[in-house]
Structures are given as structure tokens and as C-alpha cells.
Amino acid sequence: SGRFVTGGPHGDAGLTGRKILVDTYGSVARHGGGAFSGK
């Protein structure tokens, strides 16, 4: 992008459970859709 100074929650909003493929197998495997954290 050429510049990444503004980051974290100031740069983008965040929510629990929005990175389910990062949490698992990087989309190499199928996914049931349920998130993990906080449960």
C-alpha cells in the first residue's frame, strides 16, 4: 500500500470471530462457520 502508520483499532474496527480461516487451516480445508474465541 506504500504506507501503514495508522493501524490497530484506530485504523479499522474489530470484532471477535472474524478471522475463522486464519484460526484454522487458511481455507485449505472446509469450515463449519463457527468461531472459537470467547466460548
PDB file of all heavy atoms in Angstrom:
ATOM      1  N   SER A   1       0.827  -1.206   0.000  1.00  0.00           N
ATOM      2  CA  SER A   1       0.000   0.000   0.000  1.00  0.00           C
ATOM      3  C   SER A   1       0.860   1.254   0.000  1.00  0.00           C
ATOM      4  O   SER A   1       0.385   2.338  -0.350  1.00  0.00           O
ATOM      5  CB  SER A   1      -0.939   0.013   1.206  1.00  0.00           C
ATOM      6  OG  SER A   1      -0.211   0.251   2.398  1.00  0.00           O
ATOM      7  N   GLY A   2       2.114   1.131   0.429  1.00  0.00           N
ATOM      8  CA  GLY A   2       3.037   2.260   0.440  1.00  0.00           C
ATOM      9  C   GLY A   2       3.164   2.954   1.773  1.00  0.00           C
ATOM     10  O   GLY A   2       4.155   3.641   2.031  1.00  0.00           O
ATOM     11  N   ARG A   3       2.214   2.765   2.679  1.00  0.00           N
ATOM     12  CA  ARG A   3       2.273   3.412   3.998  1.00  0.00           C
ATOM     13  C   ARG A   3       1.290   2.712   4.923  1.00  0.00           C
ATOM     14  O   ARG A   3       0.156   2.434   4.540  1.00  0.00           O
ATOM     15  CB  ARG A   3       1.925   4.899   3.877  1.00  0.00           C
ATOM     16  CG  ARG A   3       1.931   5.674   5.193  1.00  0.00           C
ATOM     17  CD  ARG A   3       1.590   7.143   4.927  1.00  0.00           C
ATOM     18  NE  ARG A   3       1.309   7.881   6.155  1.00  0.00           N
ATOM     19  CZ  ARG A   3       2.217   8.512   6.888  1.00  0.00           C
ATOM     20  NH1 ARG A   3       3.479   8.475   6.511  1.00  0.00           N
ATOM     21  NH2 ARG A   3       1.868   9.172   7.981  1.00  0.00           N
ATOM     22  N   PHE A   4       1.728   2.418   6.160  1.00  0.00           N
ATOM     23  CA  PHE A   4       0.869   1.738   7.135  1.00  0.00           C
ATOM     24  C   PHE A   4       1.210   2.279   8.519  1.00  0.00           C
ATOM     25  O   PHE A   4       1.742   1.581   9.359  1.00  0.00           O
ATOM     26  CB  PHE A   4       1.110   0.228   7.049  1.00  0.00           C
ATOM     27  CG  PHE A   4       0.116  -0.636   7.814  1.00  0.00           C
ATOM     28  CD1 PHE A   4       0.195  -2.023   7.732  1.00  0.00           C
ATOM     29  CD2 PHE A   4      -0.876  -0.091   8.615  1.00  0.00           C
ATOM     30  CE1 PHE A   4      -0.680  -2.841   8.421  1.00  0.00           C
ATOM     31  CE2 PHE A   4      -1.764  -0.895   9.319  1.00  0.00           C
ATOM     32  CZ  PHE A   4      -1.659  -2.279   9.215  1.00  0.00           C
ATOM     33  N   VAL A   5       0.926   3.559   8.725  1.00  0.00           N
ATOM     34  CA  VAL A   5       1.188   4.209  10.004  1.00  0.00           C
ATOM     35  C   VAL A   5      -0.032   4.115  10.911  1.00  0.00           C
ATOM     36  O   VAL A   5       0.065   3.791  12.096  1.00  0.00           O
ATOM     37  CB  VAL A   5       1.606   5.679   9.791  1.00  0.00           C
ATOM     38  CG1 VAL A   5       1.718   6.409  11.140  1.00  0.00           C
ATOM     39  CG2 VAL A   5       2.933   5.745   9.043  1.00  0.00           C
ATOM     40  N   THR A   6      -1.208   4.399  10.350  1.00  0.00           N
ATOM     41  CA  THR A   6      -2.452   4.313  11.115  1.00  0.00           C
ATOM     42  C   THR A   6      -2.918   2.871  11.123  1.00  0.00           C
ATOM     43  O   THR A   6      -3.226   2.289  10.084  1.00  0.00           O
ATOM     44  CB  THR A   6      -3.532   5.198  10.486  1.00  0.00           C
ATOM     45  OG1 THR A   6      -3.060   6.540  10.425  1.00  0.00           O
ATOM     46  CG2 THR A   6      -4.814   5.135  11.299  1.00  0.00           C
ATOM     47  N   GLY A   7      -2.953   2.268  12.294  1.00  0.00           N
ATOM     48  CA  GLY A   7      -3.326   0.858  12.389  1.00  0.00           C
ATOM     49  C   GLY A   7      -4.083   0.559  13.658  1.00  0.00           C
ATOM     50  O   GLY A   7      -4.521   1.464  14.376  1.00  0.00           O
ATOM     51  N   GLY A   8      -4.212  -0.725  13.952  1.00  0.00           N
ATOM     52  CA  GLY A   8      -4.948  -1.134  15.136  1.00  0.00           C
ATOM     53  C   GLY A   8      -6.396  -0.681  15.072  1.00  0.00           C
ATOM     54  O   GLY A   8      -6.937  -0.388  13.997  1.00  0.00           O
ATOM     55  N   PRO A   9      -7.066  -0.591  16.218  1.00  0.00           N
ATOM     56  CA  PRO A   9      -8.480  -0.213  16.230  1.00  0.00           C
ATOM     57  C   PRO A   9      -8.751   1.195  15.716  1.00  0.00           C
ATOM     58  O   PRO A   9      -9.890   1.509  15.370  1.00  0.00           O
ATOM     59  CB  PRO A   9      -8.858  -0.346  17.712  1.00  0.00           C
ATOM     60  CG  PRO A   9      -7.882  -1.336  18.259  1.00  0.00           C
ATOM     61  CD  PRO A   9      -6.604  -1.079  17.532  1.00  0.00           C
ATOM     62  N   HIS A  10      -7.725   2.050  15.671  1.00  0.00           N
ATOM     63  CA  HIS A  10      -7.920   3.380  15.100  1.00  0.00           C
ATOM     64  C   HIS A  10      -7.991   3.316  13.579  1.00  0.00           C
ATOM     65  O   HIS A  10      -8.697   4.111  12.938  1.00  0.00           O
ATOM     66  CB  HIS A  10      -6.781   4.315  15.528  1.00  0.00           C
ATOM     67  CG  HIS A  10      -6.950   5.726  15.049  1.00  0.00           C
ATOM     68  ND1 HIS A  10      -8.095   6.464  15.278  1.00  0.00           N
ATOM     69  CD2 HIS A  10      -6.116   6.544  14.347  1.00  0.00           C
ATOM     70  CE1 HIS A  10      -7.966   7.669  14.740  1.00  0.00           C
ATOM     71  NE2 HIS A  10      -6.771   7.741  14.162  1.00  0.00           N
ATOM     72  N   GLY A  11      -7.308   2.359  12.990  1.00  0.00           N
ATOM     73  CA  GLY A  11      -7.320   2.226  11.541  1.00  0.00           C
ATOM     74  C   GLY A  11      -8.484   1.418  11.017  1.00  0.00           C
ATOM     75  O   GLY A  11      -8.923   1.603   9.878  1.00  0.00           O
ATOM     76  N   ASP A  12      -8.998   0.505  11.839  1.00  0.00           N
ATOM     77  CA  ASP A  12     -10.063  -0.383  11.375  1.00  0.00           C
ATOM     78  C   ASP A  12     -10.775  -0.958  12.591  1.00  0.00           C
ATOM     79  O   ASP A  12     -10.125  -1.334  13.578  1.00  0.00           O
ATOM     80  CB  ASP A  12      -9.448  -1.524  10.543  1.00  0.00           C
ATOM     81  CG  ASP A  12     -10.470  -2.249   9.689  1.00  0.00           C
ATOM     82  OD1 ASP A  12     -11.633  -1.807   9.644  1.00  0.00           O
ATOM     83  OD2 ASP A  12     -10.106  -3.268   9.070  1.00  0.00           O
ATOM     84  N   ALA A  13     -12.074  -1.050  12.540  1.00  0.00           N
ATOM     85  CA  ALA A  13     -12.840  -1.657  13.630  1.00  0.00           C
ATOM     86  C   ALA A  13     -12.560  -3.153  13.696  1.00  0.00           C
ATOM     87  O   ALA A  13     -12.166  -3.787  12.704  1.00  0.00           O
ATOM     88  CB  ALA A  13     -14.331  -1.406  13.436  1.00  0.00           C
ATOM     89  N   GLY A  14     -12.762  -3.743  14.863  1.00  0.00           N
ATOM     90  CA  GLY A  14     -12.530  -5.178  15.032  1.00  0.00           C
ATOM     91  C   GLY A  14     -13.666  -5.856  15.764  1.00  0.00           C
ATOM     92  O   GLY A  14     -14.394  -5.228  16.541  1.00  0.00           O
ATOM     93  N   LEU A  15     -13.826  -7.157  15.501  1.00  0.00           N
ATOM     94  CA  LEU A  15     -14.856  -7.969  16.146  1.00  0.00           C
ATOM     95  C   LEU A  15     -14.311  -9.362  16.440  1.00  0.00           C
ATOM     96  O   LEU A  15     -13.499  -9.895  15.666  1.00  0.00           O
ATOM     97  CB  LEU A  15     -16.086  -8.122  15.242  1.00  0.00           C
ATOM     98  CG  LEU A  15     -16.970  -6.901  15.006  1.00  0.00           C
ATOM     99  CD1 LEU A  15     -17.968  -7.189  13.885  1.00  0.00           C
ATOM    100  CD2 LEU A  15     -17.709  -6.530  16.282  1.00  0.00           C
ATOM    101  N   THR A  16     -14.780  -9.951  17.513  1.00  0.00           N
ATOM    102  CA  THR A  16     -14.475 -11.353  17.788  1.00  0.00           C
ATOM    103  C   THR A  16     -15.016 -12.235  16.660  1.00  0.00           C
ATOM    104  O   THR A  16     -16.125 -12.024  16.169  1.00  0.00           O
ATOM    105  CB  THR A  16     -15.118 -11.791  19.115  1.00  0.00           C
ATOM    106  OG1 THR A  16     -14.600 -10.993  20.168  1.00  0.00           O
ATOM    107  CG2 THR A  16     -14.825 -13.253  19.419  1.00  0.00           C
ATOM    108  N   GLY A  17     -14.222 -13.222  16.249  1.00  0.00           N
ATOM    109  CA  GLY A  17     -14.719 -14.255  15.352  1.00  0.00           C
ATOM    110  C   GLY A  17     -14.700 -13.924  13.883  1.00  0.00           C
ATOM    111  O   GLY A  17     -15.357 -14.606  13.092  1.00  0.00           O
ATOM    112  N   ARG A  18     -13.946 -12.888  13.477  1.00  0.00           N
ATOM    113  CA  ARG A  18     -13.927 -12.526  12.058  1.00  0.00           C
ATOM    114  C   ARG A  18     -12.712 -13.094  11.312  1.00  0.00           C
ATOM    115  O   ARG A  18     -12.541 -12.812  10.131  1.00  0.00           O
ATOM    116  CB  ARG A  18     -13.952 -11.007  11.889  1.00  0.00           C
ATOM    117  CG  ARG A  18     -15.324 -10.418  12.037  1.00  0.00           C
ATOM    118  CD  ARG A  18     -15.501  -9.137  11.245  1.00  0.00           C
ATOM    119  NE  ARG A  18     -14.530  -8.113  11.589  1.00  0.00           N
ATOM    120  CZ  ARG A  18     -14.719  -6.817  11.327  1.00  0.00           C
ATOM    121  NH1 ARG A  18     -15.828  -6.413  10.739  1.00  0.00           N
ATOM    122  NH2 ARG A  18     -13.799  -5.935  11.645  1.00  0.00           N
ATOM    123  N   LYS A  19     -11.900 -13.889  11.979  1.00  0.00           N
ATOM    124  CA  LYS A  19     -10.716 -14.442  11.325  1.00  0.00           C
ATOM    125  C   LYS A  19     -10.728 -15.970  11.444  1.00  0.00           C
ATOM    126  O   LYS A  19      -9.747 -16.599  11.842  1.00  0.00           O
ATOM    127  CB  LYS A  19      -9.440 -13.853  11.928  1.00  0.00           C
ATOM    128  CG  LYS A  19      -9.208 -12.399  11.521  1.00  0.00           C
ATOM    129  CD  LYS A  19      -8.880 -12.284  10.048  1.00  0.00           C
ATOM    130  CE  LYS A  19      -8.735 -10.845   9.578  1.00  0.00           C
ATOM    131  NZ  LYS A  19     -10.036 -10.172   9.407  1.00  0.00           N
ATOM    132  N   ILE A  20     -11.851 -16.589  11.056  1.00  0.00           N
ATOM    133  CA  ILE A  20     -12.014 -18.021  11.289  1.00  0.00           C
ATOM    134  C   ILE A  20     -11.107 -18.870  10.403  1.00  0.00           C
ATOM    135  O   ILE A  20     -10.732 -19.981  10.790  1.00  0.00           O
ATOM    136  CB  ILE A  20     -13.489 -18.458  11.142  1.00  0.00           C
ATOM    137  CG1 ILE A  20     -14.047 -18.136   9.755  1.00  0.00           C
ATOM    138  CG2 ILE A  20     -14.332 -17.816  12.240  1.00  0.00           C
ATOM    139  CD1 ILE A  20     -15.463 -18.637   9.531  1.00  0.00           C
ATOM    140  N   LEU A  21     -10.727 -18.379   9.224  1.00  0.00           N
ATOM    141  CA  LEU A  21      -9.821 -19.157   8.380  1.00  0.00           C
ATOM    142  C   LEU A  21      -8.374 -18.966   8.804  1.00  0.00           C
ATOM    143  O   LEU A  21      -7.557 -19.884   8.680  1.00  0.00           O
ATOM    144  CB  LEU A  21     -10.019 -18.805   6.906  1.00  0.00           C
ATOM    145  CG  LEU A  21     -11.411 -19.145   6.368  1.00  0.00           C
ATOM    146  CD1 LEU A  21     -11.519 -18.792   4.891  1.00  0.00           C
ATOM    147  CD2 LEU A  21     -11.736 -20.623   6.573  1.00  0.00           C
ATOM    148  N   VAL A  22      -8.047 -17.792   9.330  1.00  0.00           N
ATOM    149  CA  VAL A  22      -6.735 -17.594   9.959  1.00  0.00           C
ATOM    150  C   VAL A  22      -6.607 -18.512  11.175  1.00  0.00           C
ATOM    151  O   VAL A  22      -5.549 -19.091  11.435  1.00  0.00           O
ATOM    152  CB  VAL A  22      -6.548 -16.121  10.367  1.00  0.00           C
ATOM    153  CG1 VAL A  22      -5.296 -15.936  11.215  1.00  0.00           C
ATOM    154  CG2 VAL A  22      -6.481 -15.231   9.130  1.00  0.00           C
ATOM    155  N   ASP A  23      -7.691 -18.673  11.910  1.00  0.00           N
ATOM    156  CA  ASP A  23      -7.678 -19.509  13.116  1.00  0.00           C
ATOM    157  C   ASP A  23      -7.519 -20.988  12.800  1.00  0.00           C
ATOM    158  O   ASP A  23      -7.094 -21.762  13.661  1.00  0.00           O
ATOM    159  CB  ASP A  23      -8.985 -19.329  13.891  1.00  0.00           C
ATOM    160  CG  ASP A  23      -9.057 -18.022  14.652  1.00  0.00           C
ATOM    161  OD1 ASP A  23      -7.998 -17.411  14.881  1.00  0.00           O
ATOM    162  OD2 ASP A  23     -10.180 -17.610  15.015  1.00  0.00           O
ATOM    163  N   THR A  24      -7.856 -21.398  11.577  1.00  0.00           N
ATOM    164  CA  THR A  24      -7.925 -22.831  11.292  1.00  0.00           C
ATOM    165  C   THR A  24      -6.878 -23.253  10.257  1.00  0.00           C
ATOM    166  O   THR A  24      -5.711 -23.392  10.600  1.00  0.00           O
ATOM    167  CB  THR A  24      -9.352 -23.217  10.863  1.00  0.00           C
ATOM    168  OG1 THR A  24      -9.778 -22.357   9.785  1.00  0.00           O
ATOM    169  CG2 THR A  24     -10.329 -23.063  12.026  1.00  0.00           C
ATOM    170  N   TYR A  25      -7.269 -23.424   9.008  1.00  0.00           N
ATOM    171  CA  TYR A  25      -6.377 -24.051   8.025  1.00  0.00           C
ATOM    172  C   TYR A  25      -6.137 -23.186   6.791  1.00  0.00           C
ATOM    173  O   TYR A  25      -5.732 -23.675   5.739  1.00  0.00           O
ATOM    174  CB  TYR A  25      -6.947 -25.420   7.613  1.00  0.00           C
ATOM    175  CG  TYR A  25      -7.286 -26.268   8.810  1.00  0.00           C
ATOM    176  CD1 TYR A  25      -8.607 -26.391   9.260  1.00  0.00           C
ATOM    177  CD2 TYR A  25      -6.285 -26.910   9.528  1.00  0.00           C
ATOM    178  CE1 TYR A  25      -8.913 -27.145  10.381  1.00  0.00           C
ATOM    179  CE2 TYR A  25      -6.588 -27.666  10.657  1.00  0.00           C
ATOM    180  CZ  TYR A  25      -7.906 -27.774  11.073  1.00  0.00           C
ATOM    181  OH  TYR A  25      -8.199 -28.515  12.190  1.00  0.00           O
ATOM    182  N   GLY A  26      -6.392 -21.886   6.908  1.00  0.00           N
ATOM    183  CA  GLY A  26      -6.102 -20.981   5.820  1.00  0.00           C
ATOM    184  C   GLY A  26      -6.916 -21.227   4.579  1.00  0.00           C
ATOM    185  O   GLY A  26      -6.463 -20.948   3.472  1.00  0.00           O
ATOM    186  N   SER A  27      -8.110 -21.765   4.742  1.00  0.00           N
ATOM    187  CA  SER A  27      -9.080 -22.106   3.693  1.00  0.00           C
ATOM    188  C   SER A  27      -8.700 -23.351   2.914  1.00  0.00           C
ATOM    189  O   SER A  27      -9.379 -23.726   1.960  1.00  0.00           O
ATOM    190  CB  SER A  27      -9.338 -20.935   2.728  1.00  0.00           C
ATOM    191  OG  SER A  27      -8.337 -20.831   1.735  1.00  0.00           O
ATOM    192  N   VAL A  28      -7.636 -24.050   3.301  1.00  0.00           N
ATOM    193  CA  VAL A  28      -7.278 -25.309   2.642  1.00  0.00           C
ATOM    194  C   VAL A  28      -8.331 -26.373   2.930  1.00  0.00           C
ATOM    195  O   VAL A  28      -8.647 -27.201   2.079  1.00  0.00           O
ATOM    196  CB  VAL A  28      -5.878 -25.777   3.090  1.00  0.00           C
ATOM    197  CG1 VAL A  28      -5.576 -27.172   2.580  1.00  0.00           C
ATOM    198  CG2 VAL A  28      -4.816 -24.785   2.607  1.00  0.00           C
ATOM    199  N   ALA A  29      -8.886 -26.345   4.128  1.00  0.00           N
ATOM    200  CA  ALA A  29      -9.966 -27.266   4.491  1.00  0.00           C
ATOM    201  C   ALA A  29     -11.290 -26.513   4.519  1.00  0.00           C
ATOM    202  O   ALA A  29     -11.336 -25.279   4.550  1.00  0.00           O
ATOM    203  CB  ALA A  29      -9.696 -27.891   5.858  1.00  0.00           C
ATOM    204  N   ARG A  30     -12.371 -27.278   4.527  1.00  0.00           N
ATOM    205  CA  ARG A  30     -13.687 -26.670   4.688  1.00  0.00           C
ATOM    206  C   ARG A  30     -13.852 -26.129   6.110  1.00  0.00           C
ATOM    207  O   ARG A  30     -13.046 -26.414   6.999  1.00  0.00           O
ATOM    208  CB  ARG A  30     -14.769 -27.698   4.354  1.00  0.00           C
ATOM    209  CG  ARG A  30     -14.911 -27.926   2.867  1.00  0.00           C
ATOM    210  CD  ARG A  30     -15.695 -29.179   2.520  1.00  0.00           C
ATOM    211  NE  ARG A  30     -14.860 -30.369   2.593  1.00  0.00           N
ATOM    212  CZ  ARG A  30     -15.067 -31.456   1.864  1.00  0.00           C
ATOM    213  NH1 ARG A  30     -16.084 -31.504   1.025  1.00  0.00           N
ATOM    214  NH2 ARG A  30     -14.264 -32.503   1.982  1.00  0.00           N
ATOM    215  N   HIS A  31     -14.890 -25.348   6.318  1.00  0.00           N
ATOM    216  CA  HIS A  31     -15.127 -24.741   7.627  1.00  0.00           C
ATOM    217  C   HIS A  31     -16.617 -24.741   7.918  1.00  0.00           C
ATOM    218  O   HIS A  31     -17.417 -24.409   7.042  1.00  0.00           O
ATOM    219  CB  HIS A  31     -14.582 -23.310   7.659  1.00  0.00           C
ATOM    220  CG  HIS A  31     -14.378 -22.764   9.039  1.00  0.00           C
ATOM    221  ND1 HIS A  31     -15.424 -22.507   9.901  1.00  0.00           N
ATOM    222  CD2 HIS A  31     -13.241 -22.450   9.710  1.00  0.00           C
ATOM    223  CE1 HIS A  31     -14.937 -22.038  11.038  1.00  0.00           C
ATOM    224  NE2 HIS A  31     -13.614 -21.987  10.952  1.00  0.00           N
ATOM    225  N   GLY A  32     -16.975 -25.108   9.139  1.00  0.00           N
ATOM    226  CA  GLY A  32     -18.385 -25.145   9.517  1.00  0.00           C
ATOM    227  C   GLY A  32     -18.995 -23.780   9.747  1.00  0.00           C
ATOM    228  O   GLY A  32     -20.218 -23.653   9.810  1.00  0.00           O
ATOM    229  N   GLY A  33     -18.156 -22.743   9.919  1.00  0.00           N
ATOM    230  CA  GLY A  33     -18.668 -21.387  10.065  1.00  0.00           C
ATOM    231  C   GLY A  33     -18.612 -20.830  11.464  1.00  0.00           C
ATOM    232  O   GLY A  33     -18.733 -19.621  11.656  1.00  0.00           O
ATOM    233  N   GLY A  34     -18.449 -21.670  12.474  1.00  0.00           N
ATOM    234  CA  GLY A  34     -18.447 -21.195  13.854  1.00  0.00           C
ATOM    235  C   GLY A  34     -17.081 -20.703  14.286  1.00  0.00           C
ATOM    236  O   GLY A  34     -16.056 -21.313  13.980  1.00  0.00           O
ATOM    237  N   ALA A  35     -17.066 -19.575  15.021  1.00  0.00           N
ATOM    238  CA  ALA A  35     -15.821 -19.046  15.581  1.00  0.00           C
ATOM    239  C   ALA A  35     -15.535 -19.706  16.930  1.00  0.00           C
ATOM    240  O   ALA A  35     -16.379 -20.405  17.493  1.00  0.00           O
ATOM    241  CB  ALA A  35     -15.921 -17.536  15.726  1.00  0.00           C
ATOM    242  N   PHE A  36     -14.328 -19.470  17.455  1.00  0.00           N
ATOM    243  CA  PHE A  36     -13.874 -20.141  18.675  1.00  0.00           C
ATOM    244  C   PHE A  36     -13.820 -19.213  19.889  1.00  0.00           C
ATOM    245  O   PHE A  36     -14.299 -19.560  20.964  1.00  0.00           O
ATOM    246  CB  PHE A  36     -12.470 -20.727  18.467  1.00  0.00           C
ATOM    247  CG  PHE A  36     -12.347 -21.716  17.339  1.00  0.00           C
ATOM    248  CD1 PHE A  36     -11.130 -21.898  16.698  1.00  0.00           C
ATOM    249  CD2 PHE A  36     -13.431 -22.461  16.913  1.00  0.00           C
ATOM    250  CE1 PHE A  36     -10.993 -22.813  15.667  1.00  0.00           C
ATOM    251  CE2 PHE A  36     -13.312 -23.380  15.882  1.00  0.00           C
ATOM    252  CZ  PHE A  36     -12.085 -23.547  15.256  1.00  0.00           C
ATOM    253  N   SER A  37     -13.187 -18.073  19.737  1.00  0.00           N
ATOM    254  CA  SER A  37     -12.787 -17.273  20.898  1.00  0.00           C
ATOM    255  C   SER A  37     -13.974 -16.768  21.705  1.00  0.00           C
ATOM    256  O   SER A  37     -15.014 -16.393  21.156  1.00  0.00           O
ATOM    257  CB  SER A  37     -11.918 -16.100  20.456  1.00  0.00           C
ATOM    258  OG  SER A  37     -10.662 -16.556  19.995  1.00  0.00           O
ATOM    259  N   GLY A  38     -13.789 -16.779  23.016  1.00  0.00           N
ATOM    260  CA  GLY A  38     -14.812 -16.331  23.949  1.00  0.00           C
ATOM    261  C   GLY A  38     -15.846 -17.366  24.302  1.00  0.00           C
ATOM    262  O   GLY A  38     -16.768 -17.083  25.076  1.00  0.00           O
ATOM    263  N   LYS A  39     -15.692 -18.590  23.781  1.00  0.00           N
ATOM    264  CA  LYS A  39     -16.682 -19.644  24.027  1.00  0.00           C
ATOM    265  C   LYS A  39     -16.090 -20.736  24.910  1.00  0.00           C
ATOM    266  O   LYS A  39     -15.006 -21.245  24.639  1.00  0.00           O
ATOM    267  CB  LYS A  39     -17.126 -20.270  22.700  1.00  0.00           C
ATOM    268  CG  LYS A  39     -17.827 -19.303  21.760  1.00  0.00           C
ATOM    269  CD  LYS A  39     -18.183 -19.973  20.445  1.00  0.00           C
ATOM    270  CE  LYS A  39     -18.868 -18.997  19.490  1.00  0.00           C
ATOM    271  NZ  LYS A  39     -19.169 -19.622  18.181  1.00  0.00           N
TER     272      LYS A  39
END
